[in-house]
C-alpha atoms as a PDB file:
ATOM      1  CA  MET A   1      73.128  96.928 166.995  1.00  0.00           C
ATOM      2  CA  LYS A   2      76.485  98.455 167.490  1.00  0.00           C
ATOM      3  CA  ARG A   3      75.745 102.190 167.472  1.00  0.00           C
ATOM      4  CA  ILE A   4      72.684 103.043 169.567  1.00  0.00           C
ATOM      5  CA  LEU A   5      70.795 106.188 170.557  1.00  0.00           C
ATOM      6  CA  VAL A   6      68.478 106.303 173.331  1.00  0.00           C
ATOM      7  CA  ILE A   7      66.243 109.298 173.328  1.00  0.00           C
ATOM      8  CA  SER A   8      63.334 110.485 175.606  1.00  0.00           C
ATOM      9  CA  SER A   9      61.807 113.100 177.618  1.00  0.00           C
ATOM     10  CA  PRO A  10      63.444 113.501 181.082  1.00  0.00           C
ATOM     11  CA  GLY A  11      62.164 110.948 183.585  1.00  0.00           C
ATOM     12  CA  ALA A  12      61.153 108.316 180.854  1.00  0.00           C
ATOM     13  CA  GLY A  13      63.744 105.676 181.700  1.00  0.00           C
ATOM     14  CA  LYS A  14      66.641 106.484 179.426  1.00  0.00           C
ATOM     15  CA  SER A  15      69.395 105.852 181.757  1.00  0.00           C
ATOM     16  CA  THR A  16      67.748 102.541 183.175  1.00  0.00           C
ATOM     17  CA  PHE A  17      67.340 101.363 179.612  1.00  0.00           C
ATOM     18  CA  SER A  18      70.721 102.302 178.435  1.00  0.00           C
ATOM     19  CA  ARG A  19      72.434 100.472 181.335  1.00  0.00           C
ATOM     20  CA  LYS A  20      70.461  97.472 180.541  1.00  0.00           C
ATOM     21  CA  LEU A  21      71.542  97.650 176.815  1.00  0.00           C
ATOM     22  CA  HIS A  22      75.054  98.194 177.954  1.00  0.00           C
ATOM     23  CA  ASN A  23      74.904  95.231 180.224  1.00  0.00           C
ATOM     24  CA  LYS A  24      73.409  92.973 177.556  1.00  0.00           C
ATOM     25  CA  PHE A  25      75.522  93.921 174.624  1.00  0.00           C
ATOM     26  CA  ASP A  26      78.753  95.137 176.270  1.00  0.00           C
ATOM     27  CA  LEU A  27      78.823  98.437 174.357  1.00  0.00           C
ATOM     28  CA  PRO A  28      80.582 101.554 175.673  1.00  0.00           C
ATOM     29  CA  LEU A  29      77.844 103.783 177.234  1.00  0.00           C
ATOM     30  CA  PHE A  30      77.977 107.615 177.156  1.00  0.00           C
ATOM     31  CA  TYR A  31      75.637 109.693 179.078  1.00  0.00           C
ATOM     32  CA  LEU A  32      75.308 113.202 177.521  1.00  0.00           C
ATOM     33  CA  ASP A  33      74.325 114.539 180.960  1.00  0.00           C
ATOM     34  CA  ASN A  34      77.740 113.426 182.227  1.00  0.00           C
ATOM     35  CA  LEU A  35      79.517 115.173 179.349  1.00  0.00           C
ATOM     36  CA  PHE A  36      77.577 118.351 179.494  1.00  0.00           C
ATOM     37  CA  TRP A  37      77.402 118.907 183.408  1.00  0.00           C
ATOM     38  CA  LYS A  38      80.617 119.580 185.389  1.00  0.00           C
ATOM     39  CA  ALA A  39      80.917 118.462 189.122  1.00  0.00           C
ATOM     40  CA  ASP A  40      80.216 122.015 190.255  1.00  0.00           C
ATOM     41  CA  LYS A  41      76.828 122.128 188.478  1.00  0.00           C
ATOM     42  CA  THR A  42      77.959 124.307 185.616  1.00  0.00           C
ATOM     43  CA  THR A  43      78.146 123.261 182.087  1.00  0.00           C
ATOM     44  CA  ILE A  44      80.914 122.881 179.398  1.00  0.00           C
ATOM     45  CA  PRO A  45      81.073 125.204 176.414  1.00  0.00           C
ATOM     46  CA  PRO A  46      78.852 124.009 173.445  1.00  0.00           C
ATOM     47  CA  LYS A  47      81.912 123.661 171.197  1.00  0.00           C
ATOM     48  CA  MET A  48      83.514 121.314 173.736  1.00  0.00           C
ATOM     49  CA  LEU A  49      80.463 119.250 173.965  1.00  0.00           C
ATOM     50  CA  ASN A  50      80.358 118.986 170.262  1.00  0.00           C
ATOM     51  CA  LYS A  51      83.926 117.893 169.980  1.00  0.00           C
ATOM     52  CA  GLN A  52      83.350 115.167 172.679  1.00  0.00           C
ATOM     53  CA  ILE A  53      80.300 114.044 170.657  1.00  0.00           C
ATOM     54  CA  LYS A  54      82.220 113.856 167.441  1.00  0.00           C
ATOM     55  CA  SER A  55      85.051 111.883 169.156  1.00  0.00           C
ATOM     56  CA  ILE A  56      82.385 109.317 170.408  1.00  0.00           C
ATOM     57  CA  LEU A  57      80.796 109.079 166.914  1.00  0.00           C
ATOM     58  CA  LYS A  58      84.188 108.036 165.374  1.00  0.00           C
ATOM     59  CA  GLN A  59      84.205 104.950 167.623  1.00  0.00           C
ATOM     60  CA  PRO A  60      82.982 101.702 166.104  1.00  0.00           C
ATOM     61  CA  GLN A  61      80.563 100.762 168.905  1.00  0.00           C
ATOM     62  CA  TRP A  62      78.584 102.983 171.449  1.00  0.00           C
ATOM     63  CA  ILE A  63      75.415 103.877 173.304  1.00  0.00           C
ATOM     64  CA  ILE A  64      74.593 107.371 173.551  1.00  0.00           C
ATOM     65  CA  ASP A  65      72.054 108.331 176.141  1.00  0.00           C
ATOM     66  CA  GLY A  66      70.456 111.697 176.019  1.00  0.00           C
ATOM     67  CA  ASN A  67      68.610 114.278 174.020  1.00  0.00           C
ATOM     68  CA  TYR A  68      70.440 117.550 173.673  1.00  0.00           C
ATOM     69  CA  SER A  69      69.057 118.008 170.208  1.00  0.00           C
ATOM     70  CA  GLN A  70      70.870 121.343 169.817  1.00  0.00           C
ATOM     71  CA  TYR A  71      74.150 119.267 169.930  1.00  0.00           C
ATOM     72  CA  LEU A  72      74.787 117.398 166.640  1.00  0.00           C
ATOM     73  CA  LEU A  73      71.478 115.415 166.731  1.00  0.00           C
ATOM     74  CA  ASP A  74      71.487 115.119 162.949  1.00  0.00           C
ATOM     75  CA  GLU A  75      74.979 113.708 162.936  1.00  0.00           C
ATOM     76  CA  ARG A  76      74.219 111.242 165.930  1.00  0.00           C
ATOM     77  CA  LEU A  77      71.142 110.056 163.947  1.00  0.00           C
ATOM     78  CA  ASP A  78      73.206 109.684 160.817  1.00  0.00           C
ATOM     79  CA  ALA A  79      76.012 107.600 162.511  1.00  0.00           C
ATOM     80  CA  CYS A  80      73.733 105.351 164.630  1.00  0.00           C
ATOM     81  CA  ASP A  81      72.246 102.073 163.437  1.00  0.00           C
ATOM     82  CA  THR A  82      69.564 101.874 165.995  1.00  0.00           C
ATOM     83  CA  VAL A  83      67.488 104.524 167.802  1.00  0.00           C
ATOM     84  CA  PHE A  84      65.112 103.885 170.828  1.00  0.00           C
ATOM     85  CA  PHE A  85      62.779 106.724 171.644  1.00  0.00           C
ATOM     86  CA  LEU A  86      61.116 106.109 174.944  1.00  0.00           C
ATOM     87  CA  ASP A  87      57.710 107.614 175.257  1.00  0.00           C
END
């Protein structure tokens, strides 16, 4: 497990689970919420988020926490070696 997606509905425990994976395997952790939302509660443009996601996907190891299915979900699924879907 070197490229992990953690997907679930809001409140299912994605972030807690992702942090535990990060602590156990020492993989870089990326929260899509942190990439999408700015400090002033506005969002970045879709093209910018897609660019950031593509940059992450090029890295050899990562955990990506978040759904955002409209933002390169197919590419994320193709690039990962493990998916956790929390129900």
